[in-house]
Protein backbone atom coordinates (compact mmCIF):
# COMPACT_ATOMS: atom_id res chain seq x y z
CA MET A 1 15.27 -19.60 16.17
CA TYR A 2 12.22 -17.82 14.74
CA ASN A 3 9.57 -19.70 12.74
CA ILE A 4 8.33 -17.87 9.63
CA LYS A 5 5.31 -19.17 7.72
CA LEU A 6 4.89 -18.37 4.03
CA MET A 7 1.26 -18.06 2.95
CA ASN A 8 2.11 -17.58 -0.74
CA LYS A 9 5.02 -18.21 -3.07
CA ILE A 10 7.48 -15.44 -2.26
CA SER A 11 10.65 -14.32 -4.03
CA ASP A 12 13.75 -16.19 -2.83
CA ILE A 13 15.28 -12.83 -1.97
CA ILE A 14 13.73 -13.22 1.51
CA TYR A 15 16.44 -15.75 2.38
CA ASP A 16 19.05 -13.00 2.16
CA ASN A 17 17.29 -11.38 5.13
CA LEU A 18 16.17 -14.55 6.93
CA PRO A 19 19.29 -16.75 7.26
CA LYS A 20 18.76 -20.42 8.04
CA ASP A 21 20.77 -20.31 11.26
CA LYS A 22 18.24 -17.89 12.79
CA PHE A 23 15.00 -18.44 10.85
CA ASN A 24 13.02 -21.54 10.01
CA VAL A 25 11.07 -20.55 6.88
CA SER A 26 8.36 -22.83 5.48
CA ASP A 27 4.78 -22.94 4.23
CA SER A 28 3.92 -25.75 6.67
CA ILE A 29 4.63 -24.25 10.10
CA ASP A 30 1.94 -24.56 12.75
CA ASP A 31 3.38 -22.22 15.39
CA PRO A 32 4.84 -19.27 13.48
CA HIS A 33 6.37 -16.22 15.13
CA GLY A 34 5.93 -14.35 11.87
CA ILE A 35 3.95 -14.67 8.64
CA ILE A 36 4.80 -13.38 5.17
CA VAL A 37 1.80 -13.09 2.88
CA ARG A 38 0.87 -11.70 -0.51
CA SER A 39 -2.70 -12.43 -1.59
CA ALA A 40 -3.79 -15.26 0.74
CA ASN A 41 -6.92 -14.47 2.76
CA LEU A 42 -6.14 -14.57 6.49
CA HIS A 43 -9.57 -13.48 7.73
CA ASP A 44 -10.67 -17.02 8.55
CA MET A 45 -7.27 -18.14 9.82
CA GLU A 46 -6.89 -19.05 13.48
CA LEU A 47 -4.10 -16.77 14.69
CA PRO A 48 -1.84 -18.88 16.93
CA PRO A 49 -0.60 -17.56 20.32
CA SER A 50 2.98 -17.73 19.00
CA LEU A 51 2.28 -15.18 16.25
CA MET A 52 3.91 -11.78 16.78
CA ALA A 53 3.86 -10.18 13.32
CA ILE A 54 2.48 -10.41 9.79
CA ALA A 55 4.33 -8.86 6.86
CA ARG A 56 2.35 -8.22 3.68
CA ALA A 57 4.54 -8.17 0.57
CA GLY A 58 2.55 -5.34 -0.99
CA ALA A 59 0.73 -2.18 0.04
CA GLY A 60 -2.90 -3.29 0.43
CA VAL A 61 -3.88 -5.22 3.58
CA ASN A 62 -7.54 -6.00 2.85
CA ASN A 63 -6.75 -9.72 3.13
CA ILE A 64 -5.57 -9.37 6.75
CA PRO A 65 -7.87 -9.03 9.81
CA ILE A 66 -6.28 -5.82 11.10
CA ASP A 67 -8.57 -5.23 14.10
CA LYS A 68 -8.23 -8.82 15.27
CA CYS A 69 -4.45 -8.59 15.01
CA THR A 70 -4.37 -5.32 16.94
CA ASP A 71 -6.47 -6.79 19.74
CA LYS A 72 -3.94 -9.63 20.03
CA GLY A 73 -0.89 -7.36 19.85
CA ILE A 74 0.13 -8.73 16.44
CA VAL A 75 1.97 -6.10 14.40
CA VAL A 76 0.99 -5.95 10.72
CA PHE A 77 3.49 -4.57 8.23
CA ASN A 78 3.13 -3.62 4.58
CA THR A 79 5.62 -2.46 1.96
CA PRO A 80 4.66 1.04 0.80
CA GLY A 81 6.60 2.18 -2.21
CA ALA A 82 8.17 -1.20 -3.00
CA ASN A 83 6.05 -1.58 -6.14
CA ALA A 84 5.71 2.15 -6.81
CA ASN A 85 7.86 2.24 -9.93
CA ALA A 86 6.03 -0.74 -11.47
CA VAL A 87 2.64 0.90 -10.96
CA LYS A 88 3.93 4.27 -12.14
CA GLU A 89 5.18 2.81 -15.42
CA LEU A 90 1.79 1.19 -16.03
CA VAL A 91 -0.01 4.48 -15.32
CA ILE A 92 2.21 6.38 -17.76
CA GLY A 93 1.46 3.71 -20.37
CA ALA A 94 -2.25 4.01 -19.58
CA LEU A 95 -2.16 7.79 -20.08
CA ILE A 96 -0.94 7.25 -23.62
CA MET A 97 -3.25 4.30 -24.21
CA SER A 98 -6.29 6.28 -23.05
CA SER A 99 -5.49 9.08 -25.48
CA ARG A 100 -4.25 7.38 -28.62
CA LYS A 101 -6.88 4.57 -28.69
CA LEU A 102 -4.13 1.97 -28.89
CA TYR A 103 -6.23 -0.73 -27.25
CA GLN A 104 -9.21 -0.12 -29.53
CA GLY A 105 -7.00 0.00 -32.60
CA ILE A 106 -5.10 -3.19 -31.81
CA THR A 107 -8.35 -5.00 -31.00
CA TRP A 108 -9.82 -3.90 -34.34
CA VAL A 109 -6.76 -5.10 -36.28
CA GLU A 110 -6.94 -8.51 -34.60
CA SER A 111 -10.64 -8.75 -35.48
CA GLN A 112 -9.74 -8.51 -39.19
CA LYS A 113 -7.80 -11.78 -39.35
CA GLU A 114 -10.65 -13.46 -41.26
CA SER A 115 -11.09 -10.52 -43.62
CA LYS A 116 -10.55 -11.14 -47.31
CA GLU A 117 -9.43 -7.54 -47.85
CA ASP A 118 -5.82 -6.40 -48.11
CA ILE A 119 -5.06 -5.60 -44.44
CA ALA A 120 -2.50 -2.91 -45.26
CA LYS A 121 -4.99 -1.05 -47.44
CA LEU A 122 -7.80 -1.59 -44.94
CA VAL A 123 -5.70 -0.17 -42.13
CA GLU A 124 -4.93 2.97 -44.13
CA LYS A 125 -8.63 3.38 -44.87
CA GLU A 126 -9.90 2.86 -41.28
CA LYS A 127 -7.09 4.21 -39.09
CA SER A 128 -8.73 7.63 -38.69
CA LYS A 129 -11.29 5.98 -36.41
CA PHE A 130 -8.53 5.51 -33.86
CA SER A 131 -6.91 8.93 -33.86
CA GLY A 132 -6.44 10.60 -30.52
CA PRO A 133 -4.65 13.59 -28.98
CA GLU A 134 -1.08 13.71 -27.71
CA ILE A 135 -0.68 14.04 -23.96
CA LYS A 136 2.09 16.65 -24.14
CA GLY A 137 0.77 20.01 -22.96
CA LYS A 138 -2.42 18.50 -21.52
CA LYS A 139 -3.44 18.90 -17.88
CA LEU A 140 -3.11 15.91 -15.56
CA GLY A 141 -4.64 15.96 -12.10
CA VAL A 142 -3.10 13.51 -9.62
CA ILE A 143 -5.24 12.75 -6.57
CA GLY A 144 -3.00 11.42 -3.80
CA LEU A 145 0.72 12.19 -3.70
CA GLY A 146 2.15 9.22 -1.85
CA ALA A 147 4.90 6.98 -3.20
CA ILE A 148 3.10 6.15 -6.47
CA GLY A 149 1.25 9.43 -7.00
CA ALA A 150 4.43 11.46 -6.64
CA LEU A 151 6.26 9.31 -9.21
CA VAL A 152 3.35 9.59 -11.65
CA ALA A 153 3.24 13.37 -11.19
CA ASN A 154 7.00 13.76 -11.69
CA ASP A 155 7.25 11.55 -14.77
CA ALA A 156 4.13 12.98 -16.40
CA SER A 157 5.61 16.43 -15.92
CA ALA A 158 8.92 15.24 -17.39
CA ILE A 159 7.19 14.17 -20.63
CA GLY A 160 5.50 17.52 -21.04
CA MET A 161 2.18 17.35 -19.20
CA LYS A 162 0.97 20.19 -16.99
CA VAL A 163 0.54 18.43 -13.66
CA THR A 164 -1.51 19.48 -10.65
CA GLY A 165 -1.59 17.42 -7.47
CA TYR A 166 -4.12 17.25 -4.65
CA ASP A 167 -3.38 15.67 -1.28
CA PRO A 168 -4.50 17.39 1.93
CA HIS A 169 -2.54 14.82 3.97
CA ILE A 170 0.73 14.92 2.05
CA SER A 171 3.76 14.00 4.16
CA VAL A 172 6.92 16.08 4.35
CA LYS A 173 8.83 13.21 2.74
CA ALA A 174 6.39 13.06 -0.18
CA ALA A 175 6.47 16.84 -0.61
CA TRP A 176 10.26 16.78 -0.88
CA ALA A 177 10.01 14.07 -3.56
CA LEU A 178 7.81 16.19 -5.85
CA SER A 179 9.22 18.01 -8.84
CA PRO A 180 8.97 21.83 -8.57
CA SER A 181 7.00 21.72 -11.83
CA VAL A 182 4.09 19.93 -10.13
CA LYS A 183 1.52 22.51 -9.05
CA ARG A 184 -0.59 22.24 -5.93
CA ALA A 185 -4.36 22.34 -6.31
CA GLN A 186 -6.06 24.59 -3.78
CA SER A 187 -9.01 22.20 -3.64
CA LEU A 188 -10.27 18.94 -5.12
CA ASP A 189 -12.90 20.87 -7.09
CA GLN A 190 -10.18 22.97 -8.73
CA LEU A 191 -8.35 19.83 -9.87
CA LEU A 192 -11.54 18.22 -11.16
CA GLU A 193 -12.58 21.30 -13.12
CA GLU A 194 -9.20 21.92 -14.79
CA SER A 195 -7.87 18.45 -15.62
CA ASP A 196 -7.94 16.72 -19.01
CA TYR A 197 -6.77 13.51 -17.33
CA ILE A 198 -7.21 12.40 -13.72
CA SER A 199 -5.19 9.66 -12.00
CA ILE A 200 -6.28 8.38 -8.58
CA HIS A 201 -3.71 7.26 -5.98
CA ILE A 202 -5.45 7.08 -2.61
CA PRO A 203 -6.15 4.16 -0.24
CA LEU A 204 -9.54 2.50 -0.04
CA MET A 205 -11.28 3.39 3.22
CA ALA A 206 -14.87 3.93 4.25
CA GLU A 207 -14.58 7.63 3.43
CA THR A 208 -12.94 7.09 0.02
CA ARG A 209 -15.27 4.37 -1.30
CA ASN A 210 -17.06 5.78 -4.41
CA TYR A 211 -14.68 8.75 -4.29
CA ILE A 212 -15.34 9.19 -8.00
CA SER A 213 -19.10 9.24 -8.58
CA LYS A 214 -21.69 11.15 -10.58
CA ASP A 215 -21.23 14.13 -8.24
CA THR A 216 -17.49 14.44 -8.81
CA ILE A 217 -17.80 13.56 -12.51
CA SER A 218 -20.29 16.43 -12.94
CA LYS A 219 -17.50 18.86 -11.95
CA MET A 220 -15.03 17.50 -14.53
CA LYS A 221 -14.36 18.58 -18.10
CA LYS A 222 -16.53 16.79 -20.64
CA GLY A 223 -14.51 13.94 -22.14
CA VAL A 224 -12.05 13.72 -19.25
CA ARG A 225 -9.97 10.54 -19.12
CA ILE A 226 -9.84 8.83 -15.72
CA LEU A 227 -7.20 6.35 -14.56
CA ASN A 228 -7.70 4.15 -11.50
CA PHE A 229 -4.73 1.98 -10.53
CA SER A 230 -5.38 2.09 -6.78
CA ARG A 231 -8.57 0.19 -5.90
CA GLY A 232 -11.68 -0.58 -7.95
CA GLU A 233 -14.12 0.53 -5.27
CA LEU A 234 -12.77 4.10 -5.37
CA VAL A 235 -14.88 4.60 -8.49
CA ASN A 236 -18.63 3.98 -8.56
CA THR A 237 -19.07 1.42 -11.33
CA GLN A 238 -22.56 2.37 -12.47
CA ASP A 239 -21.75 6.09 -12.44
CA ILE A 240 -18.62 5.60 -14.57
CA ILE A 241 -20.56 3.40 -17.02
CA ASN A 242 -23.24 6.09 -17.38
CA ALA A 243 -20.58 8.75 -17.86
CA LEU A 244 -18.83 6.71 -20.56
CA LYS A 245 -22.11 6.17 -22.38
CA ASP A 246 -23.11 9.86 -22.42
CA GLY A 247 -19.58 11.08 -23.19
CA SER A 248 -19.00 12.88 -19.88
CA VAL A 249 -15.93 10.64 -19.50
CA GLY A 250 -13.93 9.93 -22.64
CA CYS A 251 -12.06 6.92 -21.33
CA TYR A 252 -11.74 4.95 -18.09
CA VAL A 253 -8.65 2.80 -17.56
CA THR A 254 -8.52 0.62 -14.46
CA ASP A 255 -6.36 -2.17 -13.11
CA PHE A 256 -9.41 -3.58 -11.30
CA PRO A 257 -11.89 -5.07 -13.77
CA ASN A 258 -15.34 -6.27 -12.81
CA GLU A 259 -18.07 -8.05 -14.76
CA ASP A 260 -20.15 -4.88 -15.21
CA LEU A 261 -17.35 -3.03 -17.01
CA ILE A 262 -16.66 -5.75 -19.57
CA ASP A 263 -17.72 -4.73 -23.10
CA VAL A 264 -18.37 -1.11 -22.06
CA ASP A 265 -17.10 1.18 -24.82
CA ASN A 266 -14.03 3.23 -23.83
CA ALA A 267 -13.46 1.24 -20.64
CA ILE A 268 -9.99 -0.30 -20.78
CA LEU A 269 -9.62 -3.11 -18.26
CA VAL A 270 -6.14 -4.20 -17.18
CA PRO A 271 -5.92 -7.51 -15.26
CA HIS A 272 -4.38 -6.10 -12.06
CA LEU A 273 -0.85 -5.88 -13.44
CA GLY A 274 0.33 -2.91 -11.39
CA ALA A 275 2.88 -4.81 -9.33
CA SER A 276 3.38 -7.72 -11.74
CA THR A 277 7.05 -7.25 -12.47
CA PRO A 278 9.93 -9.37 -11.18
CA GLU A 279 11.56 -6.23 -9.81
CA SER A 280 8.44 -5.27 -7.86
CA GLU A 281 7.99 -8.76 -6.42
CA ASP A 282 11.63 -8.77 -5.29
CA ASN A 283 11.33 -5.30 -3.78
CA CYS A 284 8.17 -6.21 -1.84
CA ALA A 285 9.63 -9.48 -0.56
CA ASP A 286 12.88 -7.78 0.41
CA MET A 287 11.11 -5.02 2.34
CA ALA A 288 8.63 -7.38 4.04
CA SER A 289 11.32 -9.78 5.24
CA THR A 290 13.55 -6.89 6.40
CA GLU A 291 10.72 -5.36 8.44
CA LEU A 292 9.82 -8.73 9.94
CA ARG A 293 13.39 -9.59 10.91
CA SER A 294 14.01 -6.19 12.47
CA PHE A 295 10.85 -6.48 14.57
CA LEU A 296 11.50 -10.04 15.75
CA GLU A 297 15.14 -9.38 16.63
CA THR A 298 14.93 -5.83 18.03
CA GLY A 299 11.26 -4.96 18.54
CA ASN A 300 11.61 -1.98 16.19
CA ILE A 301 8.51 -1.19 14.10
CA VAL A 302 8.72 0.39 10.64
CA ASN A 303 5.82 0.54 8.15
CA SER A 304 3.14 -0.95 10.35
CA VAL A 305 -0.50 -0.38 9.44
CA ASN A 306 -1.86 -0.94 12.96
CA PHE A 307 0.93 0.08 15.36
CA PRO A 308 2.97 3.26 15.57
CA ASN A 309 6.40 3.39 13.99
CA CYS A 310 8.86 2.99 16.86
CA GLU A 311 12.64 2.59 16.69
CA MET A 312 15.39 2.67 19.30
CA GLN A 313 19.06 1.72 19.22
CA LYS A 314 19.77 -1.11 21.66
CA THR A 315 21.69 0.01 24.76
CA SER A 316 21.58 -3.23 26.78
CA LYS A 317 21.20 -6.97 26.31
CA LEU A 318 17.66 -7.07 27.65
CA ARG A 319 14.77 -5.28 26.00
CA ILE A 320 11.09 -5.37 26.95
CA THR A 321 8.44 -4.39 24.41
CA ILE A 322 4.89 -3.74 25.55
CA SER A 323 1.84 -3.38 23.31
CA HIS A 324 -0.88 -1.57 25.23
CA LYS A 325 -3.87 0.71 25.11
CA ASN A 326 -3.11 4.40 24.68
CA VAL A 327 -4.26 5.49 28.15
CA PRO A 328 -2.80 7.86 30.78
CA ASN A 329 -0.16 6.64 33.26
CA MET A 330 0.57 3.40 31.40
CA VAL A 331 4.29 4.16 31.06
CA GLY A 332 4.39 5.31 34.68
CA GLN A 333 2.92 2.02 35.90
CA ILE A 334 5.39 -0.01 33.84
CA ALA A 335 8.38 2.04 35.01
CA SER A 336 7.26 1.90 38.63
CA GLY A 337 6.85 -1.87 38.45
CA LEU A 338 10.42 -2.25 37.21
CA ALA A 339 11.78 0.18 39.81
CA LYS A 340 10.10 -1.83 42.57
CA HIS A 341 12.33 -4.73 41.65
CA HIS A 342 15.47 -2.52 41.43
CA ILE A 343 15.66 -2.83 37.64
CA ASN A 344 17.33 0.13 35.98
CA ILE A 345 16.02 1.58 32.71
CA SER A 346 18.90 2.45 30.39
CA ASP A 347 16.70 3.77 27.59
CA MET A 348 13.02 3.93 26.72
CA VAL A 349 10.69 5.07 23.95
CA ASN A 350 6.90 5.25 23.81
CA LYS A 351 4.84 5.89 20.69
CA SER A 352 1.10 5.93 20.12
CA ARG A 353 -1.29 5.62 17.20
CA GLU A 354 -4.91 6.44 17.92
CA SER A 355 -6.08 4.00 20.61
CA ILE A 356 -2.97 1.78 20.55
CA ALA A 357 0.53 2.41 21.95
CA TYR A 358 3.88 0.68 22.00
CA THR A 359 6.68 0.99 24.54
CA MET A 360 10.26 -0.30 24.28
CA ILE A 361 12.48 -0.39 27.36
CA ASP A 362 16.14 -1.39 27.55
CA ILE A 363 16.93 -2.59 31.07
CA GLU A 364 19.85 -3.53 33.27
CA GLY A 365 19.16 -6.30 35.73
CA GLU A 366 17.55 -9.71 35.93
CA LEU A 367 14.02 -10.33 34.72
CA THR A 368 11.92 -13.03 36.32
CA GLN A 369 8.66 -14.51 35.10
CA ASP A 370 6.99 -12.91 38.13
CA ILE A 371 8.07 -9.43 36.99
CA ILE A 372 6.88 -10.10 33.45
CA SER A 373 3.53 -11.37 34.75
CA GLN A 374 3.08 -8.21 36.83
CA ILE A 375 3.51 -6.08 33.71
CA GLU A 376 1.14 -8.32 31.74
CA ASN A 377 -1.48 -7.89 34.47
CA ILE A 378 -1.51 -4.07 34.24
CA ASP A 379 -4.93 -3.04 32.96
CA GLY A 380 -4.63 -2.13 29.26
CA VAL A 381 -1.52 -4.19 28.50
CA ILE A 382 -2.02 -6.40 25.42
CA LYS A 383 1.28 -8.20 24.91
CA VAL A 384 4.70 -8.26 26.54
CA ARG A 385 7.88 -9.50 24.84
CA VAL A 386 11.35 -9.96 26.24
CA ILE A 387 14.18 -9.79 23.69
CA ASN A 388 17.48 -11.12 24.97
CA SER A 389 20.45 -10.44 22.68
CA LYS A 390 23.07 -12.69 24.25
């Protein structure tokens, strides 16, 4: 029986993947083997020795102490792509909203509720203030062509925009998902210079913080419309405010409001609604619970943010998984230790990710605590698990 702690209210769809005969799921467990979390901050949480994995029902993991988890051999999962369609739909809506001044127009109409004038006549008189261009035929630059960026690029192209994408780290899977009509920018500067609209879909890291700043804005078309539905810190707040005031940027739409942007003309602030659909919440919960169950029952890792993806079909009842430093001769030491005790290896896989590595070994023979302790005592080994599928 595995104990799963819920740190937030999660869609009931998780119980389809975590049946009660194998999983004890509750928000009041003290010794969890796994955690499912959405927005709860885990940075100050004491991580119990029992904890083997954390599954984030969403893409961002800023609320999880990744380095601390890695040091303890705790695998952290996220759910890339589970909310991609929800975010994509919001971005497509924002493209239109940024162009046609829908937000400004609706706000103005609502402000006239105390007016003594005939609203219908007033609207006809003032509506020209809120005219804006159609997006068909305009150039959209998409920065980042992952799960969300690719969907945005494809759908924007399908409604008549001329789409260019930029992603120097695009995966083969993402490339296959792109419509042939989406053009590839030779450089970021090319995309910035040519685009009427720019949509940002990259993760927040040290090197991407303030990715859009006065330097990049200076390379853009005057009046460009910028959409940020990834992370607020990707765009320098003061630089975007200055650009909106002098007209360098025609409109800025973001799903990440802050106090400085409130009441800034042509800044449209959405209250972080990207993944706020019932379908998205179900998809994220389904993926998170599936990843967690697979890891706890088989040791397989899919969609981890701190360990390498590693999968192997089970070939025996006993499986050992070892989290360890990515150093030479680690696998050799583990294999030699098993051979010393006449334990046969029926299958094995080793994967690495930067300084961390993960090894799965299916064995034939009897494991004793002494053998397990010998593996744990190898210099560089972080955590050893034994999975017995009786």
